[in-house]
Amino acid sequence: MTSIPKPPQGQFRVLYFAGASSFTGKDEEAWPAPLHLSKLFAELESKYPGIQAKILDSCLVTLNLDYVDVPDAGDANGPVIQEADEVAIIPPVSSG
């Protein structure tokens, strides 16, 4: 079994699944840490314009494999993503 390497020092890893991967063109990438979880969506929207409406408004998010609610952008009391953390963006998946 292959283990996923840790992100570079001072960074955390963002994993993109399903439509998030298609939208960004990436399965994963490293971001500078620390970052308030409440600022993550704004940072993603800045880097990938349109991702908020197409993906983030309806996705699930995990922080170190635990599902989390992303606080509003102005909420500085929420979790802080630290160095070596892992965030996953998981859009709804449809089947039929």
PDB file of N, CA and C in Angstrom:
ATOM      1  N   MET A   1       0.841  -1.178   0.000  1.00  0.00           N
ATOM      2  CA  MET A   1       0.000   0.000   0.000  1.00  0.00           C
ATOM      3  C   MET A   1       0.886   1.242   0.000  1.00  0.00           C
ATOM      4  N   THR A   2       0.583   2.175  -0.871  1.00  0.00           N
ATOM      5  CA  THR A   2       1.365   3.395  -0.981  1.00  0.00           C
ATOM      6  C   THR A   2       0.786   4.453  -0.059  1.00  0.00           C
ATOM      7  N   SER A   3       1.648   5.071   0.731  1.00  0.00           N
ATOM      8  CA  SER A   3       1.168   6.127   1.605  1.00  0.00           C
ATOM      9  C   SER A   3       1.306   7.463   0.888  1.00  0.00           C
ATOM     10  N   ILE A   4       0.406   8.375   1.203  1.00  0.00           N
ATOM     11  CA  ILE A   4       0.449   9.708   0.613  1.00  0.00           C
ATOM     12  C   ILE A   4       1.522  10.496   1.336  1.00  0.00           C
ATOM     13  N   PRO A   5       2.456  11.098   0.586  1.00  0.00           N
ATOM     14  CA  PRO A   5       3.515  11.862   1.249  1.00  0.00           C
ATOM     15  C   PRO A   5       2.938  13.085   1.962  1.00  0.00           C
ATOM     16  N   LYS A   6       3.620  13.504   3.016  1.00  0.00           N
ATOM     17  CA  LYS A   6       3.204  14.694   3.748  1.00  0.00           C
ATOM     18  C   LYS A   6       3.455  15.917   2.875  1.00  0.00           C
ATOM     19  N   PRO A   7       2.680  16.980   3.095  1.00  0.00           N
ATOM     20  CA  PRO A   7       2.930  18.202   2.345  1.00  0.00           C
ATOM     21  C   PRO A   7       4.267  18.810   2.757  1.00  0.00           C
ATOM     22  N   PRO A   8       4.807  19.705   1.934  1.00  0.00           N
ATOM     23  CA  PRO A   8       6.069  20.362   2.300  1.00  0.00           C
ATOM     24  C   PRO A   8       5.935  21.092   3.637  1.00  0.00           C
ATOM     25  N   GLN A   9       7.059  21.319   4.279  1.00  0.00           N
ATOM     26  CA  GLN A   9       7.067  21.997   5.579  1.00  0.00           C
ATOM     27  C   GLN A   9       6.366  23.347   5.465  1.00  0.00           C
ATOM     28  N   GLY A  10       5.537  23.664   6.459  1.00  0.00           N
ATOM     29  CA  GLY A  10       4.826  24.929   6.490  1.00  0.00           C
ATOM     30  C   GLY A  10       3.567  24.944   5.640  1.00  0.00           C
ATOM     31  N   GLN A  11       3.147  23.768   5.146  1.00  0.00           N
ATOM     32  CA  GLN A  11       1.970  23.710   4.287  1.00  0.00           C
ATOM     33  C   GLN A  11       1.023  22.604   4.724  1.00  0.00           C
ATOM     34  N   PHE A  12      -0.211  22.680   4.214  1.00  0.00           N
ATOM     35  CA  PHE A  12      -1.182  21.619   4.411  1.00  0.00           C
ATOM     36  C   PHE A  12      -1.638  21.145   3.044  1.00  0.00           C
ATOM     37  N   ARG A  13      -2.273  19.993   3.013  1.00  0.00           N
ATOM     38  CA  ARG A  13      -2.695  19.390   1.749  1.00  0.00           C
ATOM     39  C   ARG A  13      -4.208  19.542   1.576  1.00  0.00           C
ATOM     40  N   VAL A  14      -4.606  19.928   0.359  1.00  0.00           N
ATOM     41  CA  VAL A  14      -6.018  19.964  -0.012  1.00  0.00           C
ATOM     42  C   VAL A  14      -6.238  18.873  -1.048  1.00  0.00           C
ATOM     43  N   LEU A  15      -7.187  17.996  -0.772  1.00  0.00           N
ATOM     44  CA  LEU A  15      -7.542  16.926  -1.696  1.00  0.00           C
ATOM     45  C   LEU A  15      -8.861  17.292  -2.373  1.00  0.00           C
ATOM     46  N   TYR A  16      -8.903  17.113  -3.680  1.00  0.00           N
ATOM     47  CA  TYR A  16     -10.101  17.434  -4.462  1.00  0.00           C
ATOM     48  C   TYR A  16     -10.700  16.144  -4.998  1.00  0.00           C
ATOM     49  N   PHE A  17     -11.989  15.945  -4.773  1.00  0.00           N
ATOM     50  CA  PHE A  17     -12.674  14.755  -5.243  1.00  0.00           C
ATOM     51  C   PHE A  17     -13.741  15.118  -6.266  1.00  0.00           C
ATOM     52  N   ALA A  18     -14.036  14.170  -7.149  1.00  0.00           N
ATOM     53  CA  ALA A  18     -15.134  14.258  -8.128  1.00  0.00           C
ATOM     54  C   ALA A  18     -15.102  15.590  -8.870  1.00  0.00           C
ATOM     55  N   GLY A  19     -16.202  16.347  -8.809  1.00  0.00           N
ATOM     56  CA  GLY A  19     -16.310  17.599  -9.544  1.00  0.00           C
ATOM     57  C   GLY A  19     -15.284  18.639  -9.135  1.00  0.00           C
ATOM     58  N   ALA A  20     -14.836  18.596  -7.887  1.00  0.00           N
ATOM     59  CA  ALA A  20     -13.807  19.548  -7.436  1.00  0.00           C
ATOM     60  C   ALA A  20     -12.498  19.280  -8.167  1.00  0.00           C
ATOM     61  N   SER A  21     -12.176  18.022  -8.378  1.00  0.00           N
ATOM     62  CA  SER A  21     -10.974  17.653  -9.120  1.00  0.00           C
ATOM     63  C   SER A  21     -11.101  18.089 -10.577  1.00  0.00           C
ATOM     64  N   SER A  22     -12.262  17.864 -11.163  1.00  0.00           N
ATOM     65  CA  SER A  22     -12.492  18.284 -12.548  1.00  0.00           C
ATOM     66  C   SER A  22     -12.395  19.799 -12.676  1.00  0.00           C
ATOM     67  N   PHE A  23     -12.957  20.526 -11.716  1.00  0.00           N
ATOM     68  CA  PHE A  23     -12.975  21.986 -11.780  1.00  0.00           C
ATOM     69  C   PHE A  23     -11.562  22.563 -11.658  1.00  0.00           C
ATOM     70  N   THR A  24     -10.773  22.031 -10.728  1.00  0.00           N
ATOM     71  CA  THR A  24      -9.425  22.575 -10.504  1.00  0.00           C
ATOM     72  C   THR A  24      -8.385  21.968 -11.439  1.00  0.00           C
ATOM     73  N   GLY A  25      -8.698  20.805 -11.996  1.00  0.00           N
ATOM     74  CA  GLY A  25      -7.720  20.100 -12.823  1.00  0.00           C
ATOM     75  C   GLY A  25      -6.653  19.404 -11.990  1.00  0.00           C
ATOM     76  N   LYS A  26      -6.925  19.258 -10.678  1.00  0.00           N
ATOM     77  CA  LYS A  26      -5.949  18.658  -9.763  1.00  0.00           C
ATOM     78  C   LYS A  26      -6.644  17.677  -8.833  1.00  0.00           C
ATOM     79  N   ASP A  27      -5.889  16.694  -8.388  1.00  0.00           N
ATOM     80  CA  ASP A  27      -6.378  15.785  -7.349  1.00  0.00           C
ATOM     81  C   ASP A  27      -6.011  16.299  -5.961  1.00  0.00           C
ATOM     82  N   GLU A  28      -4.915  17.039  -5.897  1.00  0.00           N
ATOM     83  CA  GLU A  28      -4.441  17.577  -4.622  1.00  0.00           C
ATOM     84  C   GLU A  28      -3.457  18.689  -4.869  1.00  0.00           C
ATOM     85  N   GLU A  29      -3.234  19.500  -3.833  1.00  0.00           N
ATOM     86  CA  GLU A  29      -2.192  20.522  -3.877  1.00  0.00           C
ATOM     87  C   GLU A  29      -1.879  20.960  -2.455  1.00  0.00           C
ATOM     88  N   ALA A  30      -0.738  21.581  -2.284  1.00  0.00           N
ATOM     89  CA  ALA A  30      -0.299  22.068  -0.976  1.00  0.00           C
ATOM     90  C   ALA A  30      -0.575  23.567  -0.882  1.00  0.00           C
ATOM     91  N   TRP A  31      -1.015  23.995   0.311  1.00  0.00           N
ATOM     92  CA  TRP A  31      -1.314  25.399   0.595  1.00  0.00           C
ATOM     93  C   TRP A  31      -0.535  25.824   1.832  1.00  0.00           C
ATOM     94  N   PRO A  32      -0.190  27.112   1.927  1.00  0.00           N
ATOM     95  CA  PRO A  32       0.544  27.600   3.106  1.00  0.00           C
ATOM     96  C   PRO A  32      -0.295  27.507   4.379  1.00  0.00           C
ATOM     97  N   ALA A  33       0.334  27.059   5.445  1.00  0.00           N
ATOM     98  CA  ALA A  33      -0.315  26.966   6.760  1.00  0.00           C
ATOM     99  C   ALA A  33       0.340  27.981   7.691  1.00  0.00           C
ATOM    100  N   PRO A  34      -0.380  28.408   8.703  1.00  0.00           N
ATOM    101  CA  PRO A  34      -1.764  28.092   9.056  1.00  0.00           C
ATOM    102  C   PRO A  34      -2.749  28.937   8.248  1.00  0.00           C
ATOM    103  N   LEU A  35      -3.997  28.469   8.205  1.00  0.00           N
ATOM    104  CA  LEU A  35      -5.074  29.200   7.540  1.00  0.00           C
ATOM    105  C   LEU A  35      -6.365  28.917   8.298  1.00  0.00           C
ATOM    106  N   HIS A  36      -7.072  29.984   8.674  1.00  0.00           N
ATOM    107  CA  HIS A  36      -8.379  29.785   9.310  1.00  0.00           C
ATOM    108  C   HIS A  36      -9.285  29.057   8.337  1.00  0.00           C
ATOM    109  N   LEU A  37      -9.965  28.040   8.810  1.00  0.00           N
ATOM    110  CA  LEU A  37     -10.890  27.294   7.970  1.00  0.00           C
ATOM    111  C   LEU A  37     -11.932  28.228   7.358  1.00  0.00           C
ATOM    112  N   SER A  38     -12.302  29.272   8.082  1.00  0.00           N
ATOM    113  CA  SER A  38     -13.303  30.223   7.583  1.00  0.00           C
ATOM    114  C   SER A  38     -12.818  30.975   6.342  1.00  0.00           C
ATOM    115  N   LYS A  39     -11.527  30.998   6.093  1.00  0.00           N
ATOM    116  CA  LYS A  39     -10.970  31.709   4.933  1.00  0.00           C
ATOM    117  C   LYS A  39     -10.687  30.787   3.752  1.00  0.00           C
ATOM    118  N   LEU A  40     -10.839  29.492   3.945  1.00  0.00           N
ATOM    119  CA  LEU A  40     -10.483  28.535   2.898  1.00  0.00           C
ATOM    120  C   LEU A  40     -11.282  28.751   1.623  1.00  0.00           C
ATOM    121  N   PHE A  41     -12.609  28.874   1.730  1.00  0.00           N
ATOM    122  CA  PHE A  41     -13.431  29.000   0.528  1.00  0.00           C
ATOM    123  C   PHE A  41     -13.093  30.272  -0.242  1.00  0.00           C
ATOM    124  N   ALA A  42     -12.838  31.382   0.466  1.00  0.00           N
ATOM    125  CA  ALA A  42     -12.468  32.630  -0.211  1.00  0.00           C
ATOM    126  C   ALA A  42     -11.138  32.467  -0.948  1.00  0.00           C
ATOM    127  N   GLU A  43     -10.205  31.765  -0.327  1.00  0.00           N
ATOM    128  CA  GLU A  43      -8.909  31.521  -0.980  1.00  0.00           C
ATOM    129  C   GLU A  43      -9.075  30.640  -2.221  1.00  0.00           C
ATOM    130  N   LEU A  44      -9.909  29.615  -2.108  1.00  0.00           N
ATOM    131  CA  LEU A  44     -10.159  28.743  -3.257  1.00  0.00           C
ATOM    132  C   LEU A  44     -10.851  29.514  -4.380  1.00  0.00           C
ATOM    133  N   GLU A  45     -11.826  30.352  -4.026  1.00  0.00           N
ATOM    134  CA  GLU A  45     -12.532  31.153  -5.037  1.00  0.00           C
ATOM    135  C   GLU A  45     -11.573  32.123  -5.723  1.00  0.00           C
ATOM    136  N   SER A  46     -10.634  32.663  -4.975  1.00  0.00           N
ATOM    137  CA  SER A  46      -9.646  33.580  -5.553  1.00  0.00           C
ATOM    138  C   SER A  46      -8.756  32.860  -6.568  1.00  0.00           C
ATOM    139  N   LYS A  47      -8.379  31.645  -6.245  1.00  0.00           N
ATOM    140  CA  LYS A  47      -7.490  30.876  -7.128  1.00  0.00           C
ATOM    141  C   LYS A  47      -8.252  30.230  -8.283  1.00  0.00           C
ATOM    142  N   TYR A  48      -9.487  29.802  -8.014  1.00  0.00           N
ATOM    143  CA  TYR A  48     -10.314  29.108  -9.014  1.00  0.00           C
ATOM    144  C   TYR A  48     -11.669  29.817  -9.127  1.00  0.00           C
ATOM    145  N   PRO A  49     -11.717  30.945  -9.855  1.00  0.00           N
ATOM    146  CA  PRO A  49     -12.966  31.709  -9.944  1.00  0.00           C
ATOM    147  C   PRO A  49     -14.140  30.837 -10.409  1.00  0.00           C
ATOM    148  N   GLY A  50     -15.257  30.954  -9.671  1.00  0.00           N
ATOM    149  CA  GLY A  50     -16.453  30.192  -9.982  1.00  0.00           C
ATOM    150  C   GLY A  50     -16.620  28.928  -9.165  1.00  0.00           C
ATOM    151  N   ILE A  51     -15.575  28.518  -8.437  1.00  0.00           N
ATOM    152  CA  ILE A  51     -15.654  27.266  -7.675  1.00  0.00           C
ATOM    153  C   ILE A  51     -16.657  27.366  -6.526  1.00  0.00           C
ATOM    154  N   GLN A  52     -16.836  28.574  -5.985  1.00  0.00           N
ATOM    155  CA  GLN A  52     -17.763  28.729  -4.863  1.00  0.00           C
ATOM    156  C   GLN A  52     -19.170  28.276  -5.258  1.00  0.00           C
ATOM    157  N   ALA A  53     -19.692  28.827  -6.346  1.00  0.00           N
ATOM    158  CA  ALA A  53     -21.062  28.511  -6.758  1.00  0.00           C
ATOM    159  C   ALA A  53     -21.183  27.100  -7.320  1.00  0.00           C
ATOM    160  N   LYS A  54     -20.191  26.653  -8.063  1.00  0.00           N
ATOM    161  CA  LYS A  54     -20.294  25.352  -8.740  1.00  0.00           C
ATOM    162  C   LYS A  54     -20.002  24.179  -7.810  1.00  0.00           C
ATOM    163  N   ILE A  55     -19.102  24.350  -6.848  1.00  0.00           N
ATOM    164  CA  ILE A  55     -18.643  23.224  -6.021  1.00  0.00           C
ATOM    165  C   ILE A  55     -18.835  23.479  -4.521  1.00  0.00           C
ATOM    166  N   LEU A  56     -18.283  24.572  -4.028  1.00  0.00           N
ATOM    167  CA  LEU A  56     -18.166  24.763  -2.580  1.00  0.00           C
ATOM    168  C   LEU A  56     -19.501  24.957  -1.864  1.00  0.00           C
ATOM    169  N   ASP A  57     -20.478  25.578  -2.531  1.00  0.00           N
ATOM    170  CA  ASP A  57     -21.764  25.827  -1.873  1.00  0.00           C
ATOM    171  C   ASP A  57     -22.499  24.539  -1.509  1.00  0.00           C
ATOM    172  N   SER A  58     -22.143  23.426  -2.153  1.00  0.00           N
ATOM    173  CA  SER A  58     -22.860  22.177  -1.883  1.00  0.00           C
ATOM    174  C   SER A  58     -21.943  21.020  -1.482  1.00  0.00           C
ATOM    175  N   CYS A  59     -20.702  21.314  -1.169  1.00  0.00           N
ATOM    176  CA  CYS A  59     -19.762  20.228  -0.874  1.00  0.00           C
ATOM    177  C   CYS A  59     -19.677  19.918   0.618  1.00  0.00           C
ATOM    178  N   LEU A  60     -19.097  18.765   0.910  1.00  0.00           N
ATOM    179  CA  LEU A  60     -18.709  18.415   2.272  1.00  0.00           C
ATOM    180  C   LEU A  60     -17.219  18.679   2.396  1.00  0.00           C
ATOM    181  N   VAL A  61     -16.780  18.954   3.615  1.00  0.00           N
ATOM    182  CA  VAL A  61     -15.362  19.226   3.862  1.00  0.00           C
ATOM    183  C   VAL A  61     -14.912  18.383   5.040  1.00  0.00           C
ATOM    184  N   THR A  62     -13.740  17.775   4.899  1.00  0.00           N
ATOM    185  CA  THR A  62     -13.138  17.090   6.040  1.00  0.00           C
ATOM    186  C   THR A  62     -11.830  17.777   6.399  1.00  0.00           C
ATOM    187  N   LEU A  63     -11.529  17.751   7.677  1.00  0.00           N
ATOM    188  CA  LEU A  63     -10.249  18.224   8.193  1.00  0.00           C
ATOM    189  C   LEU A  63      -9.660  17.055   8.965  1.00  0.00           C
ATOM    190  N   ASN A  64      -8.576  16.507   8.437  1.00  0.00           N
ATOM    191  CA  ASN A  64      -7.944  15.329   9.037  1.00  0.00           C
ATOM    192  C   ASN A  64      -8.948  14.189   9.227  1.00  0.00           C
ATOM    193  N   LEU A  65      -9.712  13.937   8.173  1.00  0.00           N
ATOM    194  CA  LEU A  65     -10.682  12.844   8.061  1.00  0.00           C
ATOM    195  C   LEU A  65     -11.956  13.030   8.887  1.00  0.00           C
ATOM    196  N   ASP A  66     -12.117  14.169   9.559  1.00  0.00           N
ATOM    197  CA  ASP A  66     -13.343  14.457  10.304  1.00  0.00           C
ATOM    198  C   ASP A  66     -14.156  15.489   9.539  1.00  0.00           C
ATOM    199  N   TYR A  67     -15.439  15.197   9.334  1.00  0.00           N
ATOM    200  CA  TYR A  67     -16.301  16.169   8.658  1.00  0.00           C
ATOM    201  C   TYR A  67     -16.418  17.427   9.517  1.00  0.00           C
ATOM    202  N   VAL A  68     -16.332  18.582   8.863  1.00  0.00           N
ATOM    203  CA  VAL A  68     -16.424  19.866   9.561  1.00  0.00           C
ATOM    204  C   VAL A  68     -17.376  20.782   8.818  1.00  0.00           C
ATOM    205  N   ASP A  69     -17.990  21.688   9.551  1.00  0.00           N
ATOM    206  CA  ASP A  69     -18.760  22.773   8.950  1.00  0.00           C
ATOM    207  C   ASP A  69     -17.797  23.934   8.764  1.00  0.00           C
ATOM    208  N   VAL A  70     -17.792  24.495   7.565  1.00  0.00           N
ATOM    209  CA  VAL A  70     -16.911  25.631   7.300  1.00  0.00           C
ATOM    210  C   VAL A  70     -17.596  26.886   7.830  1.00  0.00           C
ATOM    211  N   PRO A  71     -16.953  27.587   8.766  1.00  0.00           N
ATOM    212  CA  PRO A  71     -17.558  28.795   9.340  1.00  0.00           C
ATOM    213  C   PRO A  71     -17.679  29.902   8.291  1.00  0.00           C
ATOM    214  N   ASP A  72     -18.538  30.870   8.567  1.00  0.00           N
ATOM    215  CA  ASP A  72     -18.651  32.036   7.701  1.00  0.00           C
ATOM    216  C   ASP A  72     -17.300  32.740   7.609  1.00  0.00           C
ATOM    217  N   ALA A  73     -17.084  33.439   6.506  1.00  0.00           N
ATOM    218  CA  ALA A  73     -15.788  34.058   6.226  1.00  0.00           C
ATOM    219  C   ALA A  73     -15.293  34.981   7.338  1.00  0.00           C
ATOM    220  N   GLY A  74     -16.185  35.637   8.065  1.00  0.00           N
ATOM    221  CA  GLY A  74     -15.750  36.564   9.104  1.00  0.00           C
ATOM    222  C   GLY A  74     -15.518  35.923  10.458  1.00  0.00           C
ATOM    223  N   ASP A  75     -15.724  34.614  10.582  1.00  0.00           N
ATOM    224  CA  ASP A  75     -15.630  33.932  11.867  1.00  0.00           C
ATOM    225  C   ASP A  75     -14.198  33.487  12.144  1.00  0.00           C
ATOM    226  N   ALA A  76     -13.498  34.233  12.992  1.00  0.00           N
ATOM    227  CA  ALA A  76     -12.114  33.906  13.324  1.00  0.00           C
ATOM    228  C   ALA A  76     -12.019  32.917  14.484  1.00  0.00           C
ATOM    229  N   ASN A  77     -13.165  32.455  15.010  1.00  0.00           N
ATOM    230  CA  ASN A  77     -13.158  31.537  16.143  1.00  0.00           C
ATOM    231  C   ASN A  77     -13.158  30.075  15.732  1.00  0.00           C
ATOM    232  N   GLY A  78     -13.319  29.793  14.444  1.00  0.00           N
ATOM    233  CA  GLY A  78     -13.380  28.413  13.975  1.00  0.00           C
ATOM    234  C   GLY A  78     -12.004  27.764  13.955  1.00  0.00           C
ATOM    235  N   PRO A  79     -11.958  26.532  13.459  1.00  0.00           N
ATOM    236  CA  PRO A  79     -10.696  25.796  13.412  1.00  0.00           C
ATOM    237  C   PRO A  79      -9.659  26.479  12.522  1.00  0.00           C
ATOM    238  N   VAL A  80      -8.407  26.241  12.847  1.00  0.00           N
ATOM    239  CA  VAL A  80      -7.290  26.727  12.036  1.00  0.00           C
ATOM    240  C   VAL A  80      -6.609  25.507  11.424  1.00  0.00           C
ATOM    241  N   ILE A  81      -6.432  25.550  10.124  1.00  0.00           N
ATOM    242  CA  ILE A  81      -5.740  24.464   9.429  1.00  0.00           C
ATOM    243  C   ILE A  81      -4.246  24.654   9.681  1.00  0.00           C
ATOM    244  N   GLN A  82      -3.625  23.617  10.216  1.00  0.00           N
ATOM    245  CA  GLN A  82      -2.222  23.689  10.607  1.00  0.00           C
ATOM    246  C   GLN A  82      -1.317  22.962   9.610  1.00  0.00           C
ATOM    247  N   GLU A  83      -0.036  23.193   9.767  1.00  0.00           N
ATOM    248  CA  GLU A  83       0.965  22.494   8.959  1.00  0.00           C
ATOM    249  C   GLU A  83       0.732  20.985   9.040  1.00  0.00           C
ATOM    250  N   ALA A  84       0.821  20.323   7.895  1.00  0.00           N
ATOM    251  CA  ALA A  84       0.683  18.867   7.756  1.00  0.00           C
ATOM    252  C   ALA A  84      -0.753  18.369   7.862  1.00  0.00           C
ATOM    253  N   ASP A  85      -1.728  19.281   8.052  1.00  0.00           N
ATOM    254  CA  ASP A  85      -3.137  18.864   8.061  1.00  0.00           C
ATOM    255  C   ASP A  85      -3.565  18.468   6.653  1.00  0.00           C
ATOM    256  N   GLU A  86      -4.710  17.790   6.595  1.00  0.00           N
ATOM    257  CA  GLU A  86      -5.274  17.376   5.313  1.00  0.00           C
ATOM    258  C   GLU A  86      -6.732  17.810   5.256  1.00  0.00           C
ATOM    259  N   VAL A  87      -7.068  18.560   4.206  1.00  0.00           N
ATOM    260  CA  VAL A  87      -8.429  19.022   3.976  1.00  0.00           C
ATOM    261  C   VAL A  87      -8.925  18.348   2.708  1.00  0.00           C
ATOM    262  N   ALA A  88     -10.144  17.842   2.725  1.00  0.00           N
ATOM    263  CA  ALA A  88     -10.731  17.243   1.531  1.00  0.00           C
ATOM    264  C   ALA A  88     -11.989  18.003   1.150  1.00  0.00           C
ATOM    265  N   ILE A  89     -12.110  18.285  -0.148  1.00  0.00           N
ATOM    266  CA  ILE A  89     -13.288  18.926  -0.711  1.00  0.00           C
ATOM    267  C   ILE A  89     -14.063  17.828  -1.436  1.00  0.00           C
ATOM    268  N   ILE A  90     -15.268  17.530  -0.939  1.00  0.00           N
ATOM    269  CA  ILE A  90     -16.041  16.393  -1.435  1.00  0.00           C
ATOM    270  C   ILE A  90     -17.399  16.878  -1.944  1.00  0.00           C
ATOM    271  N   PRO A  91     -17.521  17.070  -3.261  1.00  0.00           N
ATOM    272  CA  PRO A  91     -18.807  17.493  -3.820  1.00  0.00           C
ATOM    273  C   PRO A  91     -19.822  16.353  -3.749  1.00  0.00           C
ATOM    274  N   PRO A  92     -21.112  16.709  -3.868  1.00  0.00           N
ATOM    275  CA  PRO A  92     -22.120  15.649  -3.918  1.00  0.00           C
ATOM    276  C   PRO A  92     -21.888  14.786  -5.165  1.00  0.00           C
ATOM    277  N   VAL A  93     -22.133  13.509  -5.022  1.00  0.00           N
ATOM    278  CA  VAL A  93     -21.956  12.593  -6.134  1.00  0.00           C
ATOM    279  C   VAL A  93     -23.326  12.043  -6.507  1.00  0.00           C
ATOM    280  N   SER A  94     -23.651  12.128  -7.780  1.00  0.00           N
ATOM    281  CA  SER A  94     -24.941  11.593  -8.212  1.00  0.00           C
ATOM    282  C   SER A  94     -24.742  10.251  -8.896  1.00  0.00           C
ATOM    283  N   SER A  95     -25.753   9.436  -8.824  1.00  0.00           N
ATOM    284  CA  SER A  95     -25.699   8.146  -9.515  1.00  0.00           C
ATOM    285  C   SER A  95     -27.060   7.896 -10.134  1.00  0.00           C
ATOM    286  N   GLY A  96     -27.077   7.026 -11.070  1.00  0.00           N
ATOM    287  CA  GLY A  96     -28.371   6.779 -11.679  1.00  0.00           C
ATOM    288  C   GLY A  96     -28.361   5.661 -12.652  1.00  0.00           C
TER     289      GLY A  96
END
